[in-house]
Amino acid sequence: MPCKEYKDLEIQLKSARAQWAQFTYEQNRHLRGVGDRKAKQIAKEAQAKQSEISRSMSWHREHCEECKKESV
């Protein structure tokens, strides 16, 4: 079982993925509430956030003693 900090990162990643999907997929257009240009900008920012969070998760798995124990 991962530690609380890692679980928090997972939640943040899921949130960023959901935001990216909301502003990327055409079928979600009615959920956007913004124009196409702004939607593309938000989707790009959400994608960058996903990458950042993924890197943090990788770093965390390598350095957190609690999470290291779980992977053994």
N, C-alpha and C. Protein backbone atom coordinates (compact mmCIF):
# COMPACT_ATOMS: atom_id res chain seq x y z
N MET A 1 0.85 -1.18 0.00
CA MET A 1 0.00 0.00 0.00
C MET A 1 0.89 1.24 0.00
N PRO A 2 0.74 2.10 -0.98
CA PRO A 2 1.57 3.30 -1.03
C PRO A 2 1.27 4.26 0.13
N CYS A 3 2.19 5.13 0.39
CA CYS A 3 2.02 6.09 1.48
C CYS A 3 1.01 7.17 1.10
N LYS A 4 0.63 7.98 2.07
CA LYS A 4 -0.37 9.02 1.86
C LYS A 4 0.08 10.03 0.80
N GLU A 5 1.34 10.39 0.83
CA GLU A 5 1.83 11.37 -0.14
C GLU A 5 1.70 10.83 -1.57
N TYR A 6 2.01 9.55 -1.75
CA TYR A 6 1.89 8.95 -3.07
C TYR A 6 0.42 8.88 -3.49
N LYS A 7 -0.45 8.54 -2.56
CA LYS A 7 -1.89 8.50 -2.86
C LYS A 7 -2.38 9.89 -3.27
N ASP A 8 -1.89 10.92 -2.62
CA ASP A 8 -2.25 12.29 -2.98
C ASP A 8 -1.80 12.62 -4.42
N LEU A 9 -0.62 12.17 -4.78
CA LEU A 9 -0.13 12.37 -6.14
C LEU A 9 -1.01 11.64 -7.15
N GLU A 10 -1.46 10.43 -6.79
CA GLU A 10 -2.36 9.69 -7.67
C GLU A 10 -3.67 10.45 -7.89
N ILE A 11 -4.20 11.02 -6.83
CA ILE A 11 -5.44 11.81 -6.93
C ILE A 11 -5.22 13.02 -7.83
N GLN A 12 -4.09 13.69 -7.66
CA GLN A 12 -3.78 14.85 -8.50
C GLN A 12 -3.66 14.45 -9.97
N LEU A 13 -3.05 13.28 -10.22
CA LEU A 13 -2.89 12.80 -11.59
C LEU A 13 -4.26 12.50 -12.21
N LYS A 14 -5.13 11.84 -11.47
CA LYS A 14 -6.47 11.55 -11.97
C LYS A 14 -7.22 12.83 -12.28
N SER A 15 -7.07 13.83 -11.44
CA SER A 15 -7.73 15.11 -11.65
C SER A 15 -7.22 15.79 -12.92
N ALA A 16 -5.90 15.78 -13.12
CA ALA A 16 -5.32 16.38 -14.32
C ALA A 16 -5.76 15.63 -15.57
N ARG A 17 -5.86 14.31 -15.49
CA ARG A 17 -6.34 13.52 -16.63
C ARG A 17 -7.78 13.86 -16.96
N ALA A 18 -8.60 14.00 -15.93
CA ALA A 18 -10.01 14.33 -16.14
C ALA A 18 -10.14 15.71 -16.78
N GLN A 19 -9.34 16.66 -16.32
CA GLN A 19 -9.39 18.00 -16.90
C GLN A 19 -8.93 17.96 -18.35
N TRP A 20 -7.87 17.23 -18.63
CA TRP A 20 -7.39 17.10 -19.99
C TRP A 20 -8.48 16.52 -20.89
N ALA A 21 -9.13 15.45 -20.42
CA ALA A 21 -10.19 14.82 -21.21
C ALA A 21 -11.36 15.77 -21.44
N GLN A 22 -11.72 16.51 -20.42
CA GLN A 22 -12.84 17.45 -20.54
C GLN A 22 -12.60 18.46 -21.64
N PHE A 23 -11.38 18.92 -21.76
CA PHE A 23 -11.08 19.98 -22.71
C PHE A 23 -10.47 19.48 -24.02
N THR A 24 -10.35 18.16 -24.17
CA THR A 24 -9.77 17.58 -25.38
C THR A 24 -10.81 16.91 -26.25
N TYR A 25 -11.64 16.07 -25.66
CA TYR A 25 -12.58 15.26 -26.43
C TYR A 25 -13.77 16.07 -26.92
N GLU A 26 -14.05 15.91 -28.19
CA GLU A 26 -15.14 16.64 -28.83
C GLU A 26 -16.48 16.37 -28.16
N GLN A 27 -16.71 15.14 -27.72
CA GLN A 27 -17.99 14.81 -27.09
C GLN A 27 -18.18 15.52 -25.74
N ASN A 28 -17.14 16.10 -25.20
CA ASN A 28 -17.23 16.86 -23.95
C ASN A 28 -17.36 18.36 -24.18
N ARG A 29 -17.53 18.74 -25.41
CA ARG A 29 -17.59 20.16 -25.77
C ARG A 29 -18.62 20.92 -24.92
N HIS A 30 -19.75 20.29 -24.65
CA HIS A 30 -20.81 20.94 -23.88
C HIS A 30 -20.40 21.19 -22.42
N LEU A 31 -19.37 20.51 -21.95
CA LEU A 31 -18.90 20.66 -20.56
C LEU A 31 -17.85 21.76 -20.41
N ARG A 32 -17.33 22.24 -21.51
CA ARG A 32 -16.19 23.16 -21.47
C ARG A 32 -16.52 24.52 -20.88
N GLY A 33 -17.50 25.18 -21.44
CA GLY A 33 -17.83 26.52 -20.98
C GLY A 33 -16.86 27.58 -21.46
N VAL A 34 -15.96 27.20 -22.37
CA VAL A 34 -15.00 28.15 -22.94
C VAL A 34 -14.89 27.88 -24.44
N GLY A 35 -14.29 28.79 -25.15
CA GLY A 35 -14.08 28.63 -26.59
C GLY A 35 -13.00 27.62 -26.90
N ASP A 36 -12.88 27.29 -28.19
CA ASP A 36 -11.91 26.28 -28.62
C ASP A 36 -10.47 26.65 -28.29
N ARG A 37 -10.11 27.90 -28.49
CA ARG A 37 -8.73 28.34 -28.22
C ARG A 37 -8.38 28.17 -26.74
N LYS A 38 -9.29 28.61 -25.87
CA LYS A 38 -9.06 28.48 -24.43
C LYS A 38 -9.05 27.01 -24.02
N ALA A 39 -9.93 26.20 -24.63
CA ALA A 39 -9.97 24.77 -24.32
C ALA A 39 -8.64 24.11 -24.66
N LYS A 40 -8.07 24.47 -25.81
CA LYS A 40 -6.77 23.91 -26.19
C LYS A 40 -5.68 24.31 -25.21
N GLN A 41 -5.72 25.55 -24.76
CA GLN A 41 -4.73 26.03 -23.79
C GLN A 41 -4.86 25.26 -22.47
N ILE A 42 -6.09 25.10 -22.00
CA ILE A 42 -6.32 24.39 -20.74
C ILE A 42 -5.88 22.93 -20.87
N ALA A 43 -6.20 22.30 -22.00
CA ALA A 43 -5.81 20.91 -22.23
C ALA A 43 -4.29 20.77 -22.25
N LYS A 44 -3.61 21.71 -22.87
CA LYS A 44 -2.14 21.69 -22.93
C LYS A 44 -1.55 21.83 -21.53
N GLU A 45 -2.12 22.72 -20.73
CA GLU A 45 -1.64 22.91 -19.35
C GLU A 45 -1.90 21.66 -18.52
N ALA A 46 -3.06 21.03 -18.73
CA ALA A 46 -3.38 19.81 -17.98
C ALA A 46 -2.44 18.68 -18.37
N GLN A 47 -2.07 18.61 -19.64
CA GLN A 47 -1.14 17.59 -20.09
C GLN A 47 0.24 17.81 -19.47
N ALA A 48 0.67 19.05 -19.41
CA ALA A 48 1.95 19.36 -18.79
C ALA A 48 1.92 19.02 -17.30
N LYS A 49 0.79 19.28 -16.67
CA LYS A 49 0.65 18.96 -15.25
C LYS A 49 0.71 17.45 -15.03
N GLN A 50 0.10 16.68 -15.94
CA GLN A 50 0.18 15.23 -15.85
C GLN A 50 1.63 14.75 -15.90
N SER A 51 2.39 15.32 -16.82
CA SER A 51 3.80 14.93 -16.95
C SER A 51 4.57 15.26 -15.69
N GLU A 52 4.32 16.43 -15.15
CA GLU A 52 5.01 16.85 -13.92
C GLU A 52 4.66 15.92 -12.76
N ILE A 53 3.40 15.60 -12.62
CA ILE A 53 2.96 14.73 -11.54
C ILE A 53 3.53 13.33 -11.72
N SER A 54 3.55 12.83 -12.94
CA SER A 54 4.12 11.51 -13.21
C SER A 54 5.60 11.45 -12.82
N ARG A 55 6.32 12.53 -13.15
CA ARG A 55 7.74 12.58 -12.75
C ARG A 55 7.87 12.59 -11.22
N SER A 56 7.00 13.34 -10.56
CA SER A 56 7.03 13.38 -9.09
C SER A 56 6.72 12.01 -8.50
N MET A 57 5.80 11.30 -9.13
CA MET A 57 5.45 9.96 -8.64
C MET A 57 6.63 9.00 -8.80
N SER A 58 7.31 9.08 -9.92
CA SER A 58 8.48 8.23 -10.15
C SER A 58 9.57 8.53 -9.14
N TRP A 59 9.85 9.82 -8.96
CA TRP A 59 10.86 10.22 -7.99
C TRP A 59 10.47 9.73 -6.60
N HIS A 60 9.21 9.90 -6.26
CA HIS A 60 8.72 9.51 -4.94
C HIS A 60 8.91 8.00 -4.71
N ARG A 61 8.53 7.20 -5.70
CA ARG A 61 8.67 5.73 -5.56
C ARG A 61 10.12 5.34 -5.32
N GLU A 62 11.05 6.07 -5.93
CA GLU A 62 12.46 5.74 -5.78
C GLU A 62 13.04 6.18 -4.44
N HIS A 63 12.47 7.20 -3.81
CA HIS A 63 13.08 7.79 -2.63
C HIS A 63 12.29 7.62 -1.33
N CYS A 64 11.04 7.26 -1.41
CA CYS A 64 10.23 7.11 -0.20
C CYS A 64 10.47 5.72 0.40
N GLU A 65 10.92 5.71 1.63
CA GLU A 65 11.21 4.44 2.29
C GLU A 65 9.96 3.57 2.44
N GLU A 66 8.84 4.19 2.73
CA GLU A 66 7.58 3.45 2.89
C GLU A 66 7.15 2.80 1.57
N CYS A 67 7.24 3.54 0.50
CA CYS A 67 6.84 3.02 -0.80
C CYS A 67 7.84 1.96 -1.31
N LYS A 68 9.11 2.14 -0.98
CA LYS A 68 10.12 1.15 -1.38
C LYS A 68 9.83 -0.20 -0.73
N LYS A 69 9.42 -0.18 0.52
CA LYS A 69 9.10 -1.43 1.23
C LYS A 69 8.00 -2.18 0.52
N GLU A 70 7.02 -1.46 0.00
CA GLU A 70 5.87 -2.07 -0.65
C GLU A 70 6.24 -2.73 -1.97
N SER A 71 7.22 -2.20 -2.65
CA SER A 71 7.58 -2.73 -3.96
C SER A 71 8.50 -3.94 -3.89
N VAL A 72 8.96 -4.27 -2.70
CA VAL A 72 9.88 -5.40 -2.54
C VAL A 72 9.11 -6.69 -2.41
